[in-house]
Amino acid sequence: MAFTVNDGISVRLVDVQAALAARAYSGDGEVVLDVSDETAPWNTGRYRVGAGVERTDADADIRLGVAALGSIYLGGFGFADLARGLRLEELRPGAVDRADALFRTTAEPWCAEIF
C-alpha cells in the first residue's frame, strides 16, 4: 500500500477565548465547550459559545482538547467528524449537532503556500 505525504494547514489556538470571540458563527444556538490544554494551561476551561463567547462554570456539552478545537476552528472539520474519530466527547445528547450548526461555514480553509 502506497502512502502520499502532503503539506497542509494547521492552527494552534494560544488564546482560546480570543480566538473563539474572533470567529463568526451560524444560527442562534449555544454550546459549552470544556477545553483542555496541557501546553498552555491558561486555555483550559469551559467556554460558552453562541451570541458571544465567555468563560463559564456551566456544565459542559462537549469535552475536547485544544488540538481538536484547532481542527474545527477553520471549518475544514466538524464536531461530528471528530466525534466519529473519538477526538472529543459529547456530554449531552444533541450537543455535537448543535455545535456543528453553530460552527458551520461555507468557506473552506485554504493555503496557497506549500510549507
N, C-alpha and C. Protein backbone atom coordinates (compact mmCIF):
# COMPACT_ATOMS: atom_id res chain seq x y z
N MET A 1 0.85 -1.17 0.00
CA MET A 1 0.00 0.00 0.00
C MET A 1 0.89 1.23 0.00
N ALA A 2 0.66 2.15 -0.91
CA ALA A 2 1.45 3.38 -1.02
C ALA A 2 0.78 4.51 -0.26
N PHE A 3 1.58 5.32 0.36
CA PHE A 3 1.08 6.48 1.10
C PHE A 3 1.64 7.74 0.45
N THR A 4 0.83 8.75 0.42
CA THR A 4 1.25 10.04 -0.10
C THR A 4 1.32 11.03 1.04
N VAL A 5 2.40 11.77 1.12
CA VAL A 5 2.56 12.80 2.13
C VAL A 5 2.27 14.14 1.48
N ASN A 6 1.38 14.91 2.08
CA ASN A 6 1.01 16.22 1.55
C ASN A 6 1.22 17.28 2.63
N ASP A 7 1.52 18.48 2.19
CA ASP A 7 1.55 19.60 3.11
C ASP A 7 0.12 19.98 3.44
N GLY A 8 -0.06 20.65 4.53
CA GLY A 8 -1.39 21.08 4.91
C GLY A 8 -1.33 22.31 5.78
N ILE A 9 -2.47 22.71 6.21
CA ILE A 9 -2.57 23.88 7.07
C ILE A 9 -3.01 23.41 8.45
N SER A 10 -2.44 24.00 9.46
CA SER A 10 -2.83 23.67 10.83
C SER A 10 -2.91 24.97 11.62
N VAL A 11 -3.56 24.89 12.76
CA VAL A 11 -3.69 26.06 13.61
C VAL A 11 -3.52 25.63 15.05
N ARG A 12 -2.86 26.47 15.84
CA ARG A 12 -2.67 26.21 17.27
C ARG A 12 -3.26 27.41 18.00
N LEU A 13 -4.37 27.19 18.72
CA LEU A 13 -5.02 28.28 19.45
C LEU A 13 -4.25 28.53 20.75
N VAL A 14 -3.62 29.71 20.85
CA VAL A 14 -2.87 30.05 22.05
C VAL A 14 -3.69 30.91 23.01
N ASP A 15 -4.81 31.45 22.54
CA ASP A 15 -5.76 32.18 23.38
C ASP A 15 -7.15 31.77 22.92
N VAL A 16 -7.67 30.69 23.52
CA VAL A 16 -8.94 30.11 23.08
C VAL A 16 -10.06 31.13 23.12
N GLN A 17 -10.17 31.88 24.21
CA GLN A 17 -11.28 32.82 24.33
C GLN A 17 -11.22 33.88 23.24
N ALA A 18 -10.07 34.46 23.00
CA ALA A 18 -9.94 35.49 21.96
C ALA A 18 -10.20 34.90 20.57
N ALA A 19 -9.70 33.69 20.32
CA ALA A 19 -9.90 33.05 19.02
C ALA A 19 -11.38 32.76 18.79
N LEU A 20 -12.06 32.21 19.79
CA LEU A 20 -13.49 31.93 19.64
C LEU A 20 -14.30 33.22 19.47
N ALA A 21 -13.91 34.27 20.16
CA ALA A 21 -14.62 35.54 20.05
C ALA A 21 -14.41 36.19 18.67
N ALA A 22 -13.29 35.90 18.02
CA ALA A 22 -12.99 36.50 16.72
C ALA A 22 -13.65 35.75 15.56
N ARG A 23 -14.18 34.58 15.82
CA ARG A 23 -14.75 33.74 14.76
C ARG A 23 -16.23 34.05 14.54
N ALA A 24 -16.70 33.88 13.32
CA ALA A 24 -18.13 34.04 13.02
C ALA A 24 -18.86 32.72 13.26
N TYR A 25 -20.14 32.81 13.62
CA TYR A 25 -20.96 31.63 13.89
C TYR A 25 -22.27 31.73 13.13
N SER A 26 -22.89 30.58 12.93
CA SER A 26 -24.18 30.49 12.24
C SER A 26 -25.26 30.13 13.25
N GLY A 27 -26.46 30.55 13.00
CA GLY A 27 -27.58 30.14 13.85
C GLY A 27 -27.64 30.88 15.17
N ASP A 28 -28.63 30.48 15.96
CA ASP A 28 -28.90 31.15 17.22
C ASP A 28 -28.58 30.31 18.45
N GLY A 29 -28.07 29.11 18.28
CA GLY A 29 -27.84 28.21 19.41
C GLY A 29 -26.62 28.60 20.22
N GLU A 30 -26.36 27.77 21.21
CA GLU A 30 -25.14 27.93 22.00
C GLU A 30 -24.68 26.56 22.45
N VAL A 31 -23.41 26.49 22.79
CA VAL A 31 -22.81 25.25 23.26
C VAL A 31 -21.72 25.61 24.26
N VAL A 32 -21.56 24.76 25.28
CA VAL A 32 -20.50 24.96 26.26
C VAL A 32 -19.42 23.91 25.99
N LEU A 33 -18.22 24.40 25.67
CA LEU A 33 -17.09 23.54 25.37
C LEU A 33 -16.16 23.47 26.58
N ASP A 34 -15.80 22.27 26.96
CA ASP A 34 -14.82 22.04 28.02
C ASP A 34 -13.50 21.72 27.34
N VAL A 35 -12.60 22.69 27.30
CA VAL A 35 -11.35 22.59 26.54
C VAL A 35 -10.20 22.28 27.49
N SER A 36 -9.37 21.31 27.10
CA SER A 36 -8.15 21.00 27.87
C SER A 36 -6.94 21.36 27.02
N ASP A 37 -5.90 21.85 27.70
CA ASP A 37 -4.67 22.24 27.01
C ASP A 37 -3.51 22.09 27.99
N GLU A 38 -2.75 21.01 27.85
CA GLU A 38 -1.63 20.76 28.75
C GLU A 38 -0.45 21.69 28.50
N THR A 39 -0.28 22.15 27.28
CA THR A 39 0.85 23.02 26.93
C THR A 39 0.61 24.46 27.36
N ALA A 40 -0.62 24.93 27.22
CA ALA A 40 -0.98 26.31 27.58
C ALA A 40 -2.15 26.24 28.57
N PRO A 41 -1.84 26.01 29.85
CA PRO A 41 -2.91 25.76 30.83
C PRO A 41 -3.90 26.91 30.99
N TRP A 42 -3.55 28.11 30.57
CA TRP A 42 -4.49 29.24 30.64
C TRP A 42 -5.69 29.04 29.71
N ASN A 43 -5.55 28.16 28.72
CA ASN A 43 -6.66 27.86 27.81
C ASN A 43 -7.65 26.86 28.41
N THR A 44 -7.22 26.06 29.37
CA THR A 44 -8.07 25.03 29.94
C THR A 44 -9.25 25.68 30.65
N GLY A 45 -10.44 25.23 30.31
CA GLY A 45 -11.64 25.76 30.95
C GLY A 45 -12.86 25.55 30.08
N ARG A 46 -13.97 26.07 30.56
CA ARG A 46 -15.24 25.95 29.83
C ARG A 46 -15.58 27.29 29.19
N TYR A 47 -16.05 27.19 27.95
CA TYR A 47 -16.39 28.36 27.16
C TYR A 47 -17.81 28.21 26.63
N ARG A 48 -18.64 29.20 26.89
CA ARG A 48 -19.98 29.25 26.31
C ARG A 48 -19.86 30.01 24.99
N VAL A 49 -20.24 29.35 23.91
CA VAL A 49 -20.15 29.93 22.57
C VAL A 49 -21.56 30.04 22.02
N GLY A 50 -21.91 31.22 21.55
CA GLY A 50 -23.24 31.46 20.99
C GLY A 50 -23.30 32.87 20.48
N ALA A 51 -24.17 33.68 21.07
CA ALA A 51 -24.27 35.09 20.69
C ALA A 51 -22.97 35.81 21.02
N GLY A 52 -22.25 35.33 21.98
CA GLY A 52 -20.94 35.84 22.37
C GLY A 52 -20.12 34.67 22.87
N VAL A 53 -18.95 34.97 23.39
CA VAL A 53 -18.09 33.93 23.95
C VAL A 53 -17.68 34.37 25.34
N GLU A 54 -17.84 33.47 26.31
CA GLU A 54 -17.44 33.78 27.68
C GLU A 54 -16.99 32.52 28.38
N ARG A 55 -16.09 32.69 29.33
CA ARG A 55 -15.75 31.58 30.23
C ARG A 55 -16.95 31.36 31.15
N THR A 56 -17.15 30.10 31.54
CA THR A 56 -18.31 29.79 32.35
C THR A 56 -18.01 28.62 33.28
N ASP A 57 -18.81 28.50 34.33
CA ASP A 57 -18.77 27.33 35.20
C ASP A 57 -19.92 26.39 34.90
N ALA A 58 -20.69 26.68 33.85
CA ALA A 58 -21.84 25.86 33.48
C ALA A 58 -21.37 24.46 33.07
N ASP A 59 -22.28 23.49 33.19
CA ASP A 59 -21.98 22.14 32.75
C ASP A 59 -21.66 22.15 31.26
N ALA A 60 -20.65 21.38 30.90
CA ALA A 60 -20.21 21.34 29.50
C ALA A 60 -21.10 20.44 28.66
N ASP A 61 -21.19 20.78 27.38
CA ASP A 61 -21.90 19.96 26.40
C ASP A 61 -20.94 19.02 25.68
N ILE A 62 -19.71 19.51 25.47
CA ILE A 62 -18.70 18.76 24.72
C ILE A 62 -17.36 18.94 25.41
N ARG A 63 -16.60 17.85 25.53
CA ARG A 63 -15.24 17.90 26.09
C ARG A 63 -14.26 17.58 24.96
N LEU A 64 -13.25 18.44 24.80
CA LEU A 64 -12.26 18.23 23.75
C LEU A 64 -10.96 18.91 24.09
N GLY A 65 -9.89 18.47 23.45
CA GLY A 65 -8.59 19.10 23.61
C GLY A 65 -8.44 20.28 22.67
N VAL A 66 -7.48 21.12 22.95
CA VAL A 66 -7.27 22.31 22.14
C VAL A 66 -6.86 21.94 20.71
N ALA A 67 -6.18 20.82 20.51
CA ALA A 67 -5.81 20.39 19.16
C ALA A 67 -7.06 20.06 18.34
N ALA A 68 -8.02 19.39 18.96
CA ALA A 68 -9.28 19.08 18.27
C ALA A 68 -10.02 20.38 17.94
N LEU A 69 -10.05 21.31 18.89
CA LEU A 69 -10.71 22.59 18.63
C LEU A 69 -10.03 23.33 17.49
N GLY A 70 -8.71 23.25 17.40
CA GLY A 70 -7.99 23.86 16.29
C GLY A 70 -8.40 23.26 14.96
N SER A 71 -8.65 21.95 14.92
CA SER A 71 -9.10 21.29 13.69
C SER A 71 -10.46 21.81 13.26
N ILE A 72 -11.31 22.09 14.21
CA ILE A 72 -12.66 22.56 13.93
C ILE A 72 -12.68 24.05 13.60
N TYR A 73 -11.80 24.81 14.22
CA TYR A 73 -11.82 26.27 14.18
C TYR A 73 -11.89 26.84 12.76
N LEU A 74 -11.10 26.30 11.85
CA LEU A 74 -11.05 26.85 10.49
C LEU A 74 -12.19 26.36 9.60
N GLY A 75 -12.94 25.36 10.03
CA GLY A 75 -14.09 24.91 9.27
C GLY A 75 -13.85 23.73 8.35
N GLY A 76 -12.68 23.16 8.34
CA GLY A 76 -12.40 22.01 7.49
C GLY A 76 -12.98 20.72 8.04
N PHE A 77 -13.14 20.65 9.34
CA PHE A 77 -13.71 19.51 10.01
C PHE A 77 -14.80 20.00 10.96
N GLY A 78 -15.77 19.15 11.21
CA GLY A 78 -16.83 19.49 12.14
C GLY A 78 -16.73 18.66 13.40
N PHE A 79 -17.58 18.98 14.35
CA PHE A 79 -17.62 18.24 15.61
C PHE A 79 -17.98 16.78 15.37
N ALA A 80 -18.91 16.52 14.45
CA ALA A 80 -19.31 15.13 14.15
C ALA A 80 -18.14 14.34 13.58
N ASP A 81 -17.32 14.98 12.74
CA ASP A 81 -16.14 14.32 12.20
C ASP A 81 -15.21 13.87 13.31
N LEU A 82 -14.96 14.76 14.25
CA LEU A 82 -14.05 14.44 15.34
C LEU A 82 -14.67 13.47 16.34
N ALA A 83 -15.98 13.53 16.51
CA ALA A 83 -16.66 12.57 17.39
C ALA A 83 -16.51 11.16 16.81
N ARG A 84 -16.67 11.02 15.50
CA ARG A 84 -16.50 9.71 14.87
C ARG A 84 -15.08 9.20 15.04
N GLY A 85 -14.12 10.09 15.07
CA GLY A 85 -12.72 9.72 15.26
C GLY A 85 -12.32 9.63 16.72
N LEU A 86 -13.28 9.73 17.62
CA LEU A 86 -13.05 9.66 19.07
C LEU A 86 -12.09 10.73 19.56
N ARG A 87 -12.14 11.92 18.95
CA ARG A 87 -11.28 13.04 19.33
C ARG A 87 -11.96 14.01 20.28
N LEU A 88 -13.26 13.77 20.56
CA LEU A 88 -13.99 14.58 21.53
C LEU A 88 -15.07 13.72 22.17
N GLU A 89 -15.65 14.24 23.25
CA GLU A 89 -16.70 13.51 23.97
C GLU A 89 -17.96 14.37 24.04
N GLU A 90 -19.04 13.84 23.53
CA GLU A 90 -20.33 14.52 23.62
C GLU A 90 -20.92 14.20 24.99
N LEU A 91 -21.08 15.23 25.83
CA LEU A 91 -21.55 15.04 27.19
C LEU A 91 -23.06 15.15 27.31
N ARG A 92 -23.71 15.81 26.36
CA ARG A 92 -25.17 15.95 26.32
C ARG A 92 -25.66 15.55 24.94
N PRO A 93 -26.68 14.70 24.88
CA PRO A 93 -27.21 14.28 23.58
C PRO A 93 -27.60 15.50 22.73
N GLY A 94 -27.21 15.47 21.47
CA GLY A 94 -27.53 16.55 20.54
C GLY A 94 -26.53 17.68 20.52
N ALA A 95 -25.57 17.66 21.43
CA ALA A 95 -24.59 18.77 21.51
C ALA A 95 -23.72 18.85 20.27
N VAL A 96 -23.31 17.71 19.72
CA VAL A 96 -22.47 17.71 18.53
C VAL A 96 -23.22 18.33 17.36
N ASP A 97 -24.49 17.97 17.19
CA ASP A 97 -25.29 18.57 16.11
C ASP A 97 -25.46 20.07 16.30
N ARG A 98 -25.71 20.51 17.55
CA ARG A 98 -25.84 21.95 17.82
C ARG A 98 -24.54 22.68 17.53
N ALA A 99 -23.43 22.08 17.96
CA ALA A 99 -22.12 22.71 17.73
C ALA A 99 -21.80 22.79 16.25
N ASP A 100 -22.10 21.72 15.50
CA ASP A 100 -21.86 21.76 14.05
C ASP A 100 -22.68 22.84 13.38
N ALA A 101 -23.94 23.01 13.79
CA ALA A 101 -24.78 24.06 13.22
C ALA A 101 -24.21 25.44 13.55
N LEU A 102 -23.73 25.61 14.76
CA LEU A 102 -23.19 26.89 15.21
C LEU A 102 -21.89 27.24 14.50
N PHE A 103 -21.00 26.26 14.32
CA PHE A 103 -19.68 26.48 13.73
C PHE A 103 -19.68 26.35 12.21
N ARG A 104 -20.83 26.06 11.61
CA ARG A 104 -20.91 25.85 10.16
C ARG A 104 -20.42 27.08 9.40
N THR A 105 -19.68 26.83 8.34
CA THR A 105 -19.19 27.90 7.48
C THR A 105 -19.18 27.42 6.03
N THR A 106 -19.36 28.33 5.11
CA THR A 106 -19.32 27.96 3.69
C THR A 106 -17.91 28.10 3.12
N ALA A 107 -17.03 28.77 3.85
CA ALA A 107 -15.66 28.97 3.38
C ALA A 107 -14.77 27.84 3.91
N GLU A 108 -14.18 27.09 2.99
CA GLU A 108 -13.26 26.03 3.36
C GLU A 108 -11.88 26.63 3.61
N PRO A 109 -11.14 26.09 4.57
CA PRO A 109 -9.76 26.58 4.77
C PRO A 109 -8.92 26.29 3.53
N TRP A 110 -8.05 27.19 3.20
CA TRP A 110 -7.22 27.06 2.02
C TRP A 110 -5.91 27.77 2.25
N CYS A 111 -4.83 27.17 1.80
CA CYS A 111 -3.50 27.76 1.94
C CYS A 111 -2.80 27.66 0.59
N ALA A 112 -2.43 28.80 0.05
CA ALA A 112 -1.76 28.82 -1.26
C ALA A 112 -0.27 28.48 -1.16
N GLU A 113 0.27 28.56 0.02
CA GLU A 113 1.70 28.31 0.22
C GLU A 113 1.95 26.85 0.55
N ILE A 114 3.01 26.33 -0.02
CA ILE A 114 3.46 24.98 0.34
C ILE A 114 4.59 25.18 1.33
N PHE A 115 4.42 24.59 2.50
CA PHE A 115 5.47 24.76 3.51
C PHE A 115 5.87 23.44 4.10
